[in-house]
Amino acid sequence: MTKIEVELSDATAKAARDAGLLTSEALERLSADALRRRQAADRLLSIADSVAKAGIAPLPIDEINAEVKAARAPN
């Protein structure tokens, strides 16, 4: 286990504490979620040049929204 110390503004610390976000479990979950998002963004950005060079046209926003909605729909 690693012990860390952080500095937060009083308002942020109070709000986080009141929301139950300053527990070890909550901070572990928040950190793991942030790491997954960062890794996903890094993977996406790592292929951006290849996609551009391949001449793949970007999807219109309505198609992107439809894909996101379909992915989030219950199975």
Protein backbone atom coordinates (compact mmCIF):
# COMPACT_ATOMS: atom_id res chain seq x y z
CA MET A 1 0.00 0.00 0.00
CA THR A 2 1.09 3.52 -0.74
CA LYS A 3 0.09 6.41 1.46
CA ILE A 4 -0.37 9.80 -0.20
CA GLU A 5 -1.07 13.30 1.00
CA VAL A 6 -2.88 15.86 -1.12
CA GLU A 7 -3.73 19.51 -0.70
CA LEU A 8 -7.24 20.65 -1.60
CA SER A 9 -9.02 23.91 -1.07
CA ASP A 10 -11.24 23.87 1.99
CA ALA A 11 -14.38 24.02 -0.15
CA THR A 12 -13.30 21.13 -2.37
CA ALA A 13 -12.20 19.04 0.61
CA LYS A 14 -15.52 19.61 2.38
CA ALA A 15 -17.58 18.81 -0.72
CA ALA A 16 -15.50 15.68 -1.44
CA ARG A 17 -15.73 14.53 2.17
CA ASP A 18 -19.49 15.15 2.25
CA ALA A 19 -19.85 13.12 -0.97
CA GLY A 20 -17.82 10.25 0.48
CA LEU A 21 -14.99 10.72 -1.99
CA LEU A 22 -12.11 10.95 0.47
CA THR A 23 -12.14 7.31 1.54
CA SER A 24 -9.42 4.92 0.39
CA GLU A 25 -12.00 2.90 -1.54
CA ALA A 26 -13.45 5.92 -3.33
CA LEU A 27 -10.03 7.33 -4.21
CA GLU A 28 -8.93 3.91 -5.49
CA ARG A 29 -12.03 3.70 -7.71
CA LEU A 30 -11.70 7.30 -8.94
CA SER A 31 -8.01 6.81 -9.74
CA ALA A 32 -8.62 3.52 -11.56
CA ASP A 33 -11.42 5.12 -13.60
CA ALA A 34 -9.23 8.10 -14.48
CA LEU A 35 -6.40 5.78 -15.53
CA ARG A 36 -8.72 3.77 -17.81
CA ARG A 37 -9.98 6.98 -19.44
CA ARG A 38 -6.43 8.26 -19.91
CA GLN A 39 -5.32 4.96 -21.46
CA ALA A 40 -8.34 4.95 -23.80
CA ALA A 41 -7.60 8.53 -24.88
CA ASP A 42 -3.93 7.68 -25.43
CA ARG A 43 -4.89 4.67 -27.60
CA LEU A 44 -7.30 6.81 -29.60
CA LEU A 45 -4.74 9.56 -30.15
CA SER A 46 -2.06 7.03 -31.09
CA ILE A 47 -4.06 6.01 -34.18
CA ALA A 48 -5.22 9.50 -35.19
CA ASP A 49 -2.35 10.04 -37.65
CA SER A 50 -2.93 6.63 -39.24
CA VAL A 51 -6.63 7.37 -39.68
CA ALA A 52 -5.85 10.76 -41.24
CA LYS A 53 -3.28 9.26 -43.62
CA ALA A 54 -5.74 6.53 -44.64
CA GLY A 55 -8.19 9.22 -45.72
CA ILE A 56 -10.98 7.96 -43.47
CA ALA A 57 -13.63 10.66 -43.29
CA PRO A 58 -14.83 11.67 -39.82
CA LEU A 59 -18.32 10.56 -38.82
CA PRO A 60 -20.99 13.24 -38.64
CA ILE A 61 -22.01 14.09 -35.08
CA ASP A 62 -25.47 12.54 -35.49
CA GLU A 63 -23.88 9.21 -36.44
CA ILE A 64 -21.51 9.43 -33.47
CA ASN A 65 -24.44 10.14 -31.15
CA ALA A 66 -26.35 7.17 -32.58
CA GLU A 67 -23.36 4.88 -32.03
CA VAL A 68 -22.94 6.08 -28.44
CA LYS A 69 -26.65 5.64 -27.77
CA ALA A 70 -26.57 2.11 -29.22
CA ALA A 71 -23.51 1.19 -27.14
CA ARG A 72 -25.16 2.45 -23.96
CA ALA A 73 -28.50 0.71 -24.60
CA PRO A 74 -29.24 -2.28 -22.37
CA ASN A 75 -28.72 -5.59 -24.11
